[in-house]
Amino acid sequence: MPRQAQGRWPEQGQFPWLDQEGCRLPADSTARSLIRRLVAAVEPGDRQEEDERQWMLDWIDSGVQLFRLAKPASPPQHLAVYSILIDAPTRSIMIVWHVLAQAWLFPGGHVDDLEDPRASVVRELAEELQIAPAFHPEFGDDPFFLTVTQTRGADSHTDVTLWFVFQTDRDDPMTPDEREFGEVLWVPIDDLTAWPDGVFDPGLERFLEKLTARLGPKALLAR
């Protein structure tokens, strides 16, 4: 069974497809169909994302296991989610120093067996930061970006990741899980030179290019 999030859970009715059990889907065929729809709906921002989206669709259609069933990496390719938290007035997004990966990443995690990925990303925010923000109105509750990435360090595996975008206020209280995150920073969307030194997700620059193209001028971000 999926874990029940510890921390701030969304309000009743905030997300119609979500419940306190983490929205576990009734069967593999249902889960596979939903995940395929989410992936297919993403409009690729470049050739690499187009290729990775097609790889993901073929992977889903192959019938192999999509979810991580056992730690640290079984099966070696499995679904994951990122949450991109945007603060509109400052045009900034949140990154975290991930203790295990030793890299600057976005909050997120693995999708539990038969879990709706939208529920996964909401659950991870509740568990890791004790927050329940709304999905960004420009993107809704569909993923905006897709990546297929080999992870760093011991027990390296392939994360097949759906990136979701949220709207929040950087001044709202949150309680980061210190076992997961060594530091939490808000950084400008438009100026990578102001970001800290270190290792980042290999898809970061491509994601930021796609994000800024979608959001457009600063005035649009705060609407």
Protein backbone atom coordinates (compact mmCIF):
# COMPACT_ATOMS: atom_id res chain seq x y z
CA MET A 1 0.00 0.00 0.00
CA PRO A 2 1.21 3.55 -0.63
CA ARG A 3 2.46 5.55 2.32
CA GLN A 4 0.12 8.10 3.84
CA ALA A 5 1.84 11.46 3.83
CA GLN A 6 2.99 12.82 7.15
CA GLY A 7 2.66 16.58 7.30
CA ARG A 8 0.20 19.01 5.75
CA TRP A 9 -2.24 17.11 3.55
CA PRO A 10 -4.31 19.00 0.95
CA GLU A 11 -7.73 20.23 1.99
CA GLN A 12 -10.78 18.10 1.25
CA GLY A 13 -11.72 18.55 -2.39
CA GLN A 14 -8.56 20.47 -3.34
CA PHE A 15 -7.70 17.80 -5.90
CA PRO A 16 -10.71 15.75 -7.06
CA TRP A 17 -8.62 12.66 -7.94
CA LEU A 18 -6.84 12.57 -4.57
CA ASP A 19 -7.82 10.91 -1.30
CA GLN A 20 -6.11 10.18 2.02
CA GLU A 21 -4.90 6.80 0.77
CA GLY A 22 -2.73 8.46 -1.86
CA CYS A 23 -4.99 7.67 -4.86
CA ARG A 24 -3.93 4.09 -5.44
CA LEU A 25 -5.26 3.00 -8.80
CA PRO A 26 -7.32 -0.21 -8.93
CA ALA A 27 -5.27 -2.18 -11.47
CA ASP A 28 -2.09 -2.11 -13.51
CA SER A 29 -4.02 -1.54 -16.73
CA THR A 30 -5.72 1.53 -15.23
CA ALA A 31 -2.44 2.92 -13.94
CA ARG A 32 -0.66 2.26 -17.23
CA SER A 33 -3.44 3.97 -19.19
CA LEU A 34 -3.38 7.05 -16.95
CA ILE A 35 0.42 7.35 -17.02
CA ARG A 36 0.44 6.96 -20.79
CA ARG A 37 -2.12 9.76 -21.10
CA LEU A 38 -0.07 12.07 -18.86
CA VAL A 39 3.12 11.42 -20.82
CA ALA A 40 1.48 11.67 -24.25
CA ALA A 41 -0.06 15.05 -23.34
CA VAL A 42 3.35 16.68 -22.80
CA GLU A 43 4.38 18.89 -25.70
CA PRO A 44 8.16 18.42 -26.12
CA GLY A 45 10.28 21.53 -25.93
CA ASP A 46 13.20 20.13 -27.95
CA ARG A 47 14.36 17.05 -29.83
CA GLN A 48 15.76 15.38 -26.72
CA GLU A 49 12.47 15.66 -24.86
CA GLU A 50 10.66 14.38 -27.95
CA ASP A 51 12.94 11.34 -28.05
CA GLU A 52 12.58 10.72 -24.33
CA ARG A 53 8.80 11.04 -24.48
CA GLN A 54 8.71 8.42 -27.25
CA TRP A 55 11.02 6.17 -25.21
CA MET A 56 8.66 6.55 -22.24
CA LEU A 57 5.60 5.69 -24.33
CA ASP A 58 7.31 2.59 -25.71
CA TRP A 59 8.40 1.63 -22.18
CA ILE A 60 4.85 2.01 -20.87
CA ASP A 61 3.42 0.01 -23.78
CA SER A 62 5.97 -2.80 -23.32
CA GLY A 63 4.17 -4.08 -20.22
CA VAL A 64 7.23 -3.99 -17.92
CA GLN A 65 6.92 -2.89 -14.31
CA LEU A 66 6.68 0.91 -14.09
CA PHE A 67 6.91 1.39 -10.33
CA ARG A 68 9.75 0.91 -7.86
CA LEU A 69 8.78 -2.11 -5.79
CA ALA A 70 11.82 -2.37 -3.50
CA LYS A 71 14.63 -0.07 -2.40
CA PRO A 72 17.09 0.93 -3.58
CA ALA A 73 16.45 0.24 -7.26
CA SER A 74 14.14 -2.62 -8.15
CA PRO A 75 13.29 -2.60 -10.98
CA PRO A 76 16.25 -0.53 -12.29
CA GLN A 77 13.97 1.71 -14.39
CA HIS A 78 10.98 3.24 -12.62
CA LEU A 79 8.74 6.29 -12.37
CA ALA A 80 9.64 9.38 -10.38
CA VAL A 81 8.23 12.91 -9.98
CA TYR A 82 9.62 16.41 -9.45
CA SER A 83 7.72 19.36 -7.98
CA ILE A 84 8.68 22.77 -9.34
CA LEU A 85 7.62 25.46 -6.87
CA ILE A 86 7.27 28.93 -8.40
CA ASP A 87 6.98 32.18 -6.45
CA ALA A 88 5.48 34.61 -8.98
CA PRO A 89 6.26 38.03 -7.44
CA THR A 90 10.01 37.27 -7.29
CA ARG A 91 10.03 35.04 -10.40
CA SER A 92 11.96 32.41 -8.46
CA ILE A 93 11.86 28.65 -7.97
CA MET A 94 12.91 26.43 -5.10
CA ILE A 95 15.82 23.99 -5.19
CA VAL A 96 17.05 21.66 -2.46
CA TRP A 97 20.42 20.16 -1.62
CA HIS A 98 19.63 16.45 -1.77
CA VAL A 99 21.67 14.66 0.89
CA LEU A 100 21.72 11.25 -0.79
CA ALA A 101 22.38 12.47 -4.33
CA GLN A 102 24.78 15.22 -3.22
CA ALA A 103 23.27 17.53 -5.80
CA TRP A 104 20.95 20.52 -6.15
CA LEU A 105 17.62 19.07 -7.26
CA PHE A 106 13.91 19.78 -7.04
CA PRO A 107 11.73 18.17 -4.35
CA GLY A 108 10.23 14.88 -5.44
CA GLY A 109 10.56 11.14 -5.23
CA HIS A 110 9.43 7.80 -6.57
CA VAL A 111 5.90 6.84 -7.54
CA ASP A 112 4.50 4.09 -5.33
CA ASP A 113 3.04 0.93 -6.84
CA LEU A 114 -0.17 1.76 -8.75
CA GLU A 115 -0.11 5.35 -7.47
CA ASP A 116 -1.38 8.23 -9.57
CA PRO A 117 1.77 10.34 -10.27
CA ARG A 118 -0.19 13.50 -9.48
CA ALA A 119 -0.88 12.06 -6.04
CA SER A 120 2.79 11.10 -5.74
CA VAL A 121 4.02 14.64 -6.21
CA VAL A 122 1.45 16.03 -3.76
CA ARG A 123 2.39 13.33 -1.23
CA GLU A 124 6.10 14.06 -1.56
CA LEU A 125 5.53 17.77 -0.85
CA ALA A 126 3.56 16.86 2.26
CA GLU A 127 6.22 14.41 3.44
CA GLU A 128 9.34 16.39 2.58
CA LEU A 129 8.26 20.00 3.19
CA GLN A 130 4.89 19.77 4.98
CA ILE A 131 3.17 21.98 2.42
CA ALA A 132 0.14 21.58 0.14
CA PRO A 133 0.42 24.19 -2.64
CA ALA A 134 -1.86 24.45 -5.65
CA PHE A 135 -0.80 23.38 -9.10
CA HIS A 136 0.24 26.38 -11.17
CA PRO A 137 -2.77 27.68 -13.16
CA GLU A 138 -0.68 27.99 -16.33
CA PHE A 139 0.08 24.23 -16.32
CA GLY A 140 -2.67 22.54 -14.31
CA ASP A 141 -2.10 19.09 -12.88
CA ASP A 142 -0.46 17.63 -15.99
CA PRO A 143 3.33 17.22 -16.13
CA PHE A 144 5.12 19.99 -18.03
CA PHE A 145 8.49 18.32 -18.67
CA LEU A 146 9.84 14.77 -19.01
CA THR A 147 13.29 13.28 -18.47
CA VAL A 148 14.93 9.85 -18.45
CA THR A 149 18.00 10.11 -16.22
CA GLN A 150 20.66 7.81 -14.80
CA THR A 151 21.01 8.67 -11.10
CA ARG A 152 24.28 9.42 -9.33
CA GLY A 153 26.12 7.49 -6.64
CA ALA A 154 25.67 4.01 -5.27
CA ASP A 155 22.76 1.91 -6.56
CA SER A 156 22.55 3.99 -9.73
CA HIS A 157 19.34 3.44 -11.68
CA THR A 158 17.13 5.14 -14.25
CA ASP A 159 14.52 7.63 -13.06
CA VAL A 160 11.71 8.16 -15.56
CA THR A 161 10.58 11.53 -14.27
CA LEU A 162 7.46 13.64 -14.68
CA TRP A 163 7.98 17.31 -13.74
CA PHE A 164 4.93 19.10 -12.26
CA VAL A 165 4.67 22.86 -11.65
CA PHE A 166 3.15 24.44 -8.52
CA GLN A 167 2.30 27.98 -7.47
CA THR A 168 3.31 29.04 -3.96
CA ASP A 169 4.51 31.92 -1.77
CA ARG A 170 8.16 31.65 -0.77
CA ASP A 171 7.31 33.30 2.55
CA ASP A 172 4.79 30.63 3.51
CA PRO A 173 6.02 28.35 6.31
CA MET A 174 7.48 24.97 5.44
CA THR A 175 9.37 22.32 7.40
CA PRO A 176 12.01 20.57 5.27
CA ASP A 177 12.88 17.00 6.18
CA GLU A 178 16.51 17.29 7.31
CA ARG A 179 17.09 13.61 6.52
CA GLU A 180 16.41 14.41 2.85
CA PHE A 181 17.54 18.00 2.37
CA GLY A 182 20.65 19.76 3.63
CA GLU A 183 19.52 23.18 2.41
CA VAL A 184 16.56 24.86 0.70
CA LEU A 185 17.07 27.87 -1.59
CA TRP A 186 14.93 30.14 -3.74
CA VAL A 187 16.74 31.04 -6.96
CA PRO A 188 15.87 33.30 -9.93
CA ILE A 189 14.34 31.63 -12.96
CA ASP A 190 16.05 34.02 -15.35
CA ASP A 191 19.62 34.13 -14.01
CA LEU A 192 21.57 30.89 -13.61
CA THR A 193 24.66 32.87 -12.58
CA ALA A 194 22.88 33.61 -9.28
CA TRP A 195 22.45 29.91 -8.53
CA PRO A 196 24.87 28.11 -6.19
CA ASP A 197 27.81 26.13 -7.50
CA GLY A 198 27.43 22.37 -7.60
CA VAL A 199 25.82 19.49 -9.43
CA PHE A 200 22.30 19.85 -10.85
CA ASP A 201 19.86 17.62 -12.67
CA PRO A 202 21.22 17.19 -16.23
CA GLY A 203 17.88 18.35 -17.63
CA LEU A 204 17.85 21.64 -15.70
CA GLU A 205 18.92 24.09 -18.41
CA ARG A 206 16.58 22.55 -20.98
CA PHE A 207 13.75 22.74 -18.45
CA LEU A 208 14.43 26.42 -17.70
CA GLU A 209 14.49 27.23 -21.42
CA LYS A 210 11.12 25.54 -21.87
CA LEU A 211 9.70 27.19 -18.73
CA THR A 212 10.72 30.72 -19.67
CA ALA A 213 9.43 30.23 -23.21
CA ARG A 214 6.06 29.15 -21.79
CA LEU A 215 5.78 31.85 -19.12
CA GLY A 216 7.02 34.66 -21.32
CA PRO A 217 7.71 38.15 -19.91
CA LYS A 218 7.79 38.72 -16.18
CA ALA A 219 4.35 40.33 -16.19
CA LEU A 220 2.75 37.07 -17.32
CA LEU A 221 4.21 35.09 -14.43
CA ALA A 222 2.44 37.17 -11.79
CA ARG A 223 -1.00 37.21 -13.37
